[in-house]
C-alpha atoms as a PDB file:
ATOM      1  CA  UNK A   1      32.895 -80.649   2.875  1.00  0.00           C
ATOM      2  CA  UNK A   2      34.947 -83.925   4.997  1.00  0.00           C
ATOM      3  CA  UNK A   3      37.488 -81.398   6.837  1.00  0.00           C
ATOM      4  CA  UNK A   4      34.616 -79.676   8.183  1.00  0.00           C
ATOM      5  CA  UNK A   5      33.216 -80.851  12.144  1.00  0.00           C
ATOM      6  CA  UNK A   6      30.503 -82.139  12.656  1.00  0.00           C
ATOM      7  CA  UNK A   7      27.546 -79.823  13.710  1.00  0.00           C
ATOM      8  CA  UNK A   8      27.180 -79.695  17.575  1.00  0.00           C
ATOM      9  CA  UNK A   9      23.713 -81.291  17.226  1.00  0.00           C
ATOM     10  CA  UNK A  10      24.355 -83.997  14.639  1.00  0.00           C
ATOM     11  CA  UNK A  11      27.690 -84.884  16.995  1.00  0.00           C
ATOM     12  CA  UNK A  12      25.364 -85.553  20.541  1.00  0.00           C
ATOM     13  CA  UNK A  13      22.452 -87.961  18.168  1.00  0.00           C
ATOM     14  CA  UNK A  14      25.913 -89.744  16.541  1.00  0.00           C
ATOM     15  CA  UNK A  15      26.313 -90.123  20.396  1.00  0.00           C
ATOM     16  CA  UNK A  16      23.029 -91.059  21.272  1.00  0.00           C
ATOM     17  CA  UNK A  17      23.041 -93.815  19.125  1.00  0.00           C
ATOM     18  CA  UNK A  18      26.637 -94.999  18.731  1.00  0.00           C
ATOM     19  CA  UNK A  19      27.496 -95.055  22.446  1.00  0.00           C
ATOM     20  CA  UNK A  20      30.762 -94.059  22.885  1.00  0.00           C
ATOM     21  CA  UNK A  21      30.629 -91.179  19.890  1.00  0.00           C
ATOM     22  CA  UNK A  22      31.152 -92.083  16.266  1.00  0.00           C
ATOM     23  CA  UNK A  23      33.566 -90.951  14.248  1.00  0.00           C
ATOM     24  CA  UNK A  24      32.585 -87.822  11.694  1.00  0.00           C
ATOM     25  CA  UNK A  25      34.276 -87.471   8.752  1.00  0.00           C
ATOM     26  CA  UNK A  26      37.341 -86.354   8.697  1.00  0.00           C
ATOM     27  CA  UNK A  27      38.953 -88.163  11.536  1.00  0.00           C
ATOM     28  CA  UNK A  28      38.329 -86.515  14.629  1.00  0.00           C
ATOM     29  CA  UNK A  29      36.382 -87.906  17.135  1.00  0.00           C
ATOM     30  CA  UNK A  30      33.028 -86.525  18.238  1.00  0.00           C
ATOM     31  CA  UNK A  31      32.333 -84.989  22.093  1.00  0.00           C
ATOM     32  CA  UNK A  32      30.453 -87.238  24.107  1.00  0.00           C
ATOM     33  CA  UNK A  33      27.152 -85.790  25.392  1.00  0.00           C
ATOM     34  CA  UNK A  34      27.087 -84.460  28.845  1.00  0.00           C
ATOM     35  CA  UNK A  35      25.037 -86.618  31.239  1.00  0.00           C
ATOM     36  CA  UNK A  36      22.085 -85.127  33.241  1.00  0.00           C
ATOM     37  CA  UNK A  37      24.950 -84.684  35.831  1.00  0.00           C
ATOM     38  CA  UNK A  38      27.024 -82.786  34.741  1.00  0.00           C
ATOM     39  CA  UNK A  39      24.841 -80.329  32.693  1.00  0.00           C
ATOM     40  CA  UNK A  40      24.327 -77.189  34.904  1.00  0.00           C
ATOM     41  CA  UNK A  41      21.362 -75.311  35.820  1.00  0.00           C
ATOM     42  CA  UNK A  42      21.612 -71.888  36.918  1.00  0.00           C
ATOM     43  CA  UNK A  43      19.752 -70.574  39.374  1.00  0.00           C
ATOM     44  CA  UNK A  44      17.752 -67.827  39.079  1.00  0.00           C
ATOM     45  CA  UNK A  45      19.374 -64.164  40.686  1.00  0.00           C
ATOM     46  CA  UNK A  46      18.116 -64.120  44.286  1.00  0.00           C
ATOM     47  CA  UNK A  47      14.992 -61.535  45.362  1.00  0.00           C
ATOM     48  CA  UNK A  48      15.803 -58.486  46.689  1.00  0.00           C
ATOM     49  CA  UNK A  49      14.305 -58.064  50.197  1.00  0.00           C
ATOM     50  CA  UNK A  50      12.859 -54.404  50.020  1.00  0.00           C
ATOM     51  CA  UNK A  51      14.733 -52.457  53.110  1.00  0.00           C
ATOM     52  CA  UNK A  52      11.800 -50.692  56.271  1.00  0.00           C
ATOM     53  CA  UNK A  53      13.509 -47.402  55.259  1.00  0.00           C
ATOM     54  CA  UNK A  54      16.011 -45.124  53.883  1.00  0.00           C
ATOM     55  CA  UNK A  55      19.814 -46.973  54.683  1.00  0.00           C
ATOM     56  CA  UNK A  56      22.954 -44.289  56.056  1.00  0.00           C
ATOM     57  CA  UNK A  57      20.281 -41.030  56.036  1.00  0.00           C
ATOM     58  CA  UNK A  58      22.199 -38.455  56.649  1.00  0.00           C
ATOM     59  CA  UNK A  59      21.600 -37.214  60.432  1.00  0.00           C
ATOM     60  CA  UNK A  60      22.795 -33.445  62.102  1.00  0.00           C
ATOM     61  CA  UNK A  61      24.609 -34.896  65.376  1.00  0.00           C
ATOM     62  CA  UNK A  62      27.234 -36.769  64.231  1.00  0.00           C
ATOM     63  CA  UNK A  63      28.505 -33.573  61.862  1.00  0.00           C
ATOM     64  CA  UNK A  64      27.532 -30.949  64.343  1.00  0.00           C
ATOM     65  CA  UNK A  65      29.801 -32.757  66.692  1.00  0.00           C
ATOM     66  CA  UNK A  66      32.891 -33.566  64.815  1.00  0.00           C
ATOM     67  CA  UNK A  67      32.799 -29.962  63.367  1.00  0.00           C
ATOM     68  CA  UNK A  68      32.809 -28.705  67.624  1.00  0.00           C
ATOM     69  CA  UNK A  69      35.551 -31.585  67.750  1.00  0.00           C
ATOM     70  CA  UNK A  70      37.850 -30.511  65.500  1.00  0.00           C
ATOM     71  CA  UNK A  71      37.855 -27.111  66.075  1.00  0.00           C
ATOM     72  CA  UNK A  72      38.834 -28.263  69.551  1.00  0.00           C
ATOM     73  CA  UNK A  73      41.900 -29.893  67.890  1.00  0.00           C
ATOM     74  CA  UNK A  74      43.185 -27.104  66.425  1.00  0.00           C
ATOM     75  CA  UNK A  75      44.973 -26.983  62.785  1.00  0.00           C
ATOM     76  CA  UNK A  76      44.260 -25.809  59.698  1.00  0.00           C
ATOM     77  CA  UNK A  77      41.113 -27.487  59.472  1.00  0.00           C
ATOM     78  CA  UNK A  78      38.553 -24.863  58.881  1.00  0.00           C
ATOM     79  CA  UNK A  79      37.467 -25.837  55.139  1.00  0.00           C
ATOM     80  CA  UNK A  80      36.362 -29.133  56.794  1.00  0.00           C
ATOM     81  CA  UNK A  81      34.489 -27.785  59.563  1.00  0.00           C
ATOM     82  CA  UNK A  82      33.407 -25.028  57.316  1.00  0.00           C
ATOM     83  CA  UNK A  83      32.072 -27.785  54.798  1.00  0.00           C
ATOM     84  CA  UNK A  84      30.837 -29.693  57.975  1.00  0.00           C
ATOM     85  CA  UNK A  85      28.301 -27.044  58.767  1.00  0.00           C
ATOM     86  CA  UNK A  86      27.311 -26.690  56.050  1.00  0.00           C
ATOM     87  CA  UNK A  87      25.793 -29.886  55.581  1.00  0.00           C
ATOM     88  CA  UNK A  88      24.444 -29.422  58.918  1.00  0.00           C
ATOM     89  CA  UNK A  89      22.471 -25.830  57.811  1.00  0.00           C
ATOM     90  CA  UNK A  90      21.489 -28.861  54.773  1.00  0.00           C
ATOM     91  CA  UNK A  91      20.100 -30.720  56.761  1.00  0.00           C
ATOM     92  CA  UNK A  92      18.598 -28.519  59.027  1.00  0.00           C
ATOM     93  CA  UNK A  93      18.547 -25.193  58.772  1.00  0.00           C
ATOM     94  CA  UNK A  94      16.901 -23.739  61.332  1.00  0.00           C
ATOM     95  CA  UNK A  95      19.788 -24.526  63.578  1.00  0.00           C
ATOM     96  CA  UNK A  96      21.197 -21.782  65.023  1.00  0.00           C
ATOM     97  CA  UNK A  97      24.344 -23.473  66.710  1.00  0.00           C
ATOM     98  CA  UNK A  98      25.964 -24.490  63.314  1.00  0.00           C
ATOM     99  CA  UNK A  99      25.291 -20.848  61.900  1.00  0.00           C
ATOM    100  CA  UNK A 100      26.552 -19.013  64.901  1.00  0.00           C
ATOM    101  CA  UNK A 101      29.784 -21.382  64.929  1.00  0.00           C
ATOM    102  CA  UNK A 102      30.304 -21.322  60.555  1.00  0.00           C
ATOM    103  CA  UNK A 103      30.090 -17.298  61.471  1.00  0.00           C
ATOM    104  CA  UNK A 104      33.049 -17.687  64.330  1.00  0.00           C
ATOM    105  CA  UNK A 105      35.256 -18.702  61.116  1.00  0.00           C
ATOM    106  CA  UNK A 106      34.853 -15.970  59.599  1.00  0.00           C
ATOM    107  CA  UNK A 107      34.573 -13.363  62.484  1.00  0.00           C
ATOM    108  CA  UNK A 108      34.642 -10.324  61.533  1.00  0.00           C
ATOM    109  CA  UNK A 109      34.524 -10.536  58.181  1.00  0.00           C
ATOM    110  CA  UNK A 110      31.637  -9.601  55.454  1.00  0.00           C
ATOM    111  CA  UNK A 111      31.291 -13.494  54.807  1.00  0.00           C
ATOM    112  CA  UNK A 112      30.552 -14.012  58.740  1.00  0.00           C
ATOM    113  CA  UNK A 113      27.510 -11.542  57.623  1.00  0.00           C
ATOM    114  CA  UNK A 114      26.413 -13.473  54.821  1.00  0.00           C
ATOM    115  CA  UNK A 115      26.504 -16.751  56.805  1.00  0.00           C
ATOM    116  CA  UNK A 116      24.396 -15.609  59.353  1.00  0.00           C
ATOM    117  CA  UNK A 117      21.748 -13.621  56.556  1.00  0.00           C
ATOM    118  CA  UNK A 118      21.063 -17.398  55.843  1.00  0.00           C
ATOM    119  CA  UNK A 119      19.208 -17.784  58.990  1.00  0.00           C
ATOM    120  CA  UNK A 120      15.557 -18.234  58.243  1.00  0.00           C
ATOM    121  CA  UNK A 121      14.175 -15.716  61.223  1.00  0.00           C
ATOM    122  CA  UNK A 122      10.189 -16.348  61.870  1.00  0.00           C
ATOM    123  CA  UNK A 123       8.192 -13.232  62.823  1.00  0.00           C
ATOM    124  CA  UNK A 124       8.625 -14.633  66.583  1.00  0.00           C
ATOM    125  CA  UNK A 125      12.219 -13.528  67.805  1.00  0.00           C
ATOM    126  CA  UNK A 126      14.150 -15.661  70.205  1.00  0.00           C
ATOM    127  CA  UNK A 127      17.549 -14.510  72.360  1.00  0.00           C
ATOM    128  CA  UNK A 128      19.195 -16.748  69.794  1.00  0.00           C
ATOM    129  CA  UNK A 129      17.718 -14.735  67.101  1.00  0.00           C
ATOM    130  CA  UNK A 130      18.912 -11.763  68.769  1.00  0.00           C
ATOM    131  CA  UNK A 131      22.749 -13.235  68.814  1.00  0.00           C
ATOM    132  CA  UNK A 132      22.859 -13.635  64.910  1.00  0.00           C
ATOM    133  CA  UNK A 133      21.678  -9.898  64.504  1.00  0.00           C
ATOM    134  CA  UNK A 134      23.290  -8.770  66.942  1.00  0.00           C
ATOM    135  CA  UNK A 135      26.492 -10.006  65.523  1.00  0.00           C
ATOM    136  CA  UNK A 136      25.761  -8.738  61.881  1.00  0.00           C
ATOM    137  CA  UNK A 137      25.129  -5.321  63.780  1.00  0.00           C
ATOM    138  CA  UNK A 138      28.171  -5.298  65.526  1.00  0.00           C
ATOM    139  CA  UNK A 139      30.632  -6.358  61.914  1.00  0.00           C
ATOM    140  CA  UNK A 140      28.710  -4.044  59.765  1.00  0.00           C
ATOM    141  CA  UNK A 141      29.066  -1.581  62.505  1.00  0.00           C
ATOM    142  CA  UNK A 142      33.053  -1.749  63.437  1.00  0.00           C
ATOM    143  CA  UNK A 143      33.102  -1.715  59.346  1.00  0.00           C
ATOM    144  CA  UNK A 144      31.244   1.549  58.756  1.00  0.00           C
ATOM    145  CA  UNK A 145      28.932  -0.348  56.569  1.00  0.00           C
ATOM    146  CA  UNK A 146      26.169   2.060  56.578  1.00  0.00           C
ATOM    147  CA  UNK A 147      24.699   1.553  53.910  1.00  0.00           C
ATOM    148  CA  UNK A 148      24.335  -1.724  53.758  1.00  0.00           C
ATOM    149  CA  UNK A 149      20.562  -2.535  53.722  1.00  0.00           C
ATOM    150  CA  UNK A 150      21.615  -5.206  56.087  1.00  0.00           C
ATOM    151  CA  UNK A 151      22.475  -3.058  58.766  1.00  0.00           C
ATOM    152  CA  UNK A 152      18.416  -1.619  58.856  1.00  0.00           C
ATOM    153  CA  UNK A 153      17.417  -5.664  59.594  1.00  0.00           C
ATOM    154  CA  UNK A 154      19.461  -6.211  61.491  1.00  0.00           C
ATOM    155  CA  UNK A 155      18.962  -3.492  63.970  1.00  0.00           C
ATOM    156  CA  UNK A 156      15.820  -3.580  63.873  1.00  0.00           C
ATOM    157  CA  UNK A 157      15.709  -7.691  65.175  1.00  0.00           C
ATOM    158  CA  UNK A 158      18.711  -7.052  67.309  1.00  0.00           C
ATOM    159  CA  UNK A 159      16.331  -4.097  69.392  1.00  0.00           C
ATOM    160  CA  UNK A 160      12.993  -5.742  68.595  1.00  0.00           C
ATOM    161  CA  UNK A 161      14.369  -8.335  71.262  1.00  0.00           C
ATOM    162  CA  UNK A 162      16.339  -6.692  73.589  1.00  0.00           C
ATOM    163  CA  UNK A 163      15.017  -3.302  73.931  1.00  0.00           C
ATOM    164  CA  UNK A 164      15.661   0.387  72.023  1.00  0.00           C
ATOM    165  CA  UNK A 165      17.942   1.255  74.581  1.00  0.00           C
ATOM    166  CA  UNK A 166      20.161  -1.659  73.534  1.00  0.00           C
ATOM    167  CA  UNK A 167      20.734   0.065  70.816  1.00  0.00           C
ATOM    168  CA  UNK A 168      21.942   3.221  71.970  1.00  0.00           C
ATOM    169  CA  UNK A 169      26.459   3.111  71.148  1.00  0.00           C
ATOM    170  CA  UNK A 170      25.402   2.539  67.665  1.00  0.00           C
ATOM    171  CA  UNK A 171      22.529   5.603  68.100  1.00  0.00           C
ATOM    172  CA  UNK A 172      25.208   7.512  68.408  1.00  0.00           C
ATOM    173  CA  UNK A 173      28.083   6.485  66.294  1.00  0.00           C
ATOM    174  CA  UNK A 174      24.958   6.739  63.213  1.00  0.00           C
ATOM    175  CA  UNK A 175      24.099   9.971  63.752  1.00  0.00           C
ATOM    176  CA  UNK A 176      27.605  11.353  64.527  1.00  0.00           C
ATOM    177  CA  UNK A 177      27.172   9.839  60.529  1.00  0.00           C
ATOM    178  CA  UNK A 178      24.556  11.637  59.817  1.00  0.00           C
ATOM    179  CA  UNK A 179      22.271   8.398  59.103  1.00  0.00           C
ATOM    180  CA  UNK A 180      19.366  10.424  59.731  1.00  0.00           C
ATOM    181  CA  UNK A 181      17.356   8.412  57.283  1.00  0.00           C
ATOM    182  CA  UNK A 182      17.993   4.935  58.811  1.00  0.00           C
ATOM    183  CA  UNK A 183      17.145   5.887  62.729  1.00  0.00           C
ATOM    184  CA  UNK A 184      14.039   6.875  61.985  1.00  0.00           C
ATOM    185  CA  UNK A 185      13.285   3.300  60.210  1.00  0.00           C
ATOM    186  CA  UNK A 186      15.395   1.273  63.139  1.00  0.00           C
ATOM    187  CA  UNK A 187      13.260   3.594  65.322  1.00  0.00           C
ATOM    188  CA  UNK A 188       9.661   3.031  63.967  1.00  0.00           C
ATOM    189  CA  UNK A 189      11.019  -0.659  63.222  1.00  0.00           C
ATOM    190  CA  UNK A 190      11.793  -1.683  66.846  1.00  0.00           C
ATOM    191  CA  UNK A 191       8.970  -0.081  68.722  1.00  0.00           C
ATOM    192  CA  UNK A 192       6.189  -1.144  65.924  1.00  0.00           C
ATOM    193  CA  UNK A 193       4.867   2.448  65.305  1.00  0.00           C
ATOM    194  CA  UNK A 194       4.056   4.526  62.286  1.00  0.00           C
ATOM    195  CA  UNK A 195       6.376   7.735  60.822  1.00  0.00           C
ATOM    196  CA  UNK A 196       3.761   9.515  60.431  1.00  0.00           C
ATOM    197  CA  UNK A 197       2.376   9.210  64.453  1.00  0.00           C
ATOM    198  CA  UNK A 198       2.868  12.667  66.107  1.00  0.00           C
ATOM    199  CA  UNK A 199       4.750  11.370  69.370  1.00  0.00           C
ATOM    200  CA  UNK A 200       6.955   9.855  66.689  1.00  0.00           C
ATOM    201  CA  UNK A 201       7.159  13.395  64.543  1.00  0.00           C
ATOM    202  CA  UNK A 202       7.916  15.009  68.041  1.00  0.00           C
ATOM    203  CA  UNK A 203      10.332  12.731  69.264  1.00  0.00           C
ATOM    204  CA  UNK A 204      12.033  13.119  65.625  1.00  0.00           C
ATOM    205  CA  UNK A 205      12.259  17.052  66.205  1.00  0.00           C
ATOM    206  CA  UNK A 206      13.787  16.486  69.534  1.00  0.00           C
ATOM    207  CA  UNK A 207      16.343  14.294  67.973  1.00  0.00           C
ATOM    208  CA  UNK A 208      16.946  16.441  65.082  1.00  0.00           C
ATOM    209  CA  UNK A 209      16.452  13.377  63.089  1.00  0.00           C
END
């Protein structure tokens, strides 16, 4: 096979024997063997150092702050602010401000009630809890959503913190709507009493519930 080029191994051996590389069959010159200086040795890839902790952790403060600033600037950025508040809620589900301010972006609508209901209320209610319950009550009562099961929960939560008398306006409105069962449940829930209690039964008779 006179026209074929010798293999690299043959060319290297020829170069070693003939000094500057003898010719191979076919008249083509062999490539000189590379000197040790020309041979490049690939260094192993660098070993990554273990980080001491997670990088770029999501935090609440920057997102909550940005949402507030965007609210001050005005403009058509409601969806962006909603997204930021939802991110805050994912990071800290017990932060009242995030729910309250997100609810304000949906003010007066059932969407706001949906937001408030996601708050994880504890057994020991606070004034911040009462504020959220109060917002729910105002919306549901204004929209006359008397049969919404969330109204009972909100009335009991608000009345538990603020007292039964704080519900006077809503009680009268529910009486006019003949929602006696709801009123009974709310009264017992706020006052932590059984509907079978004799004093409670007497009170219901006086109120015509």
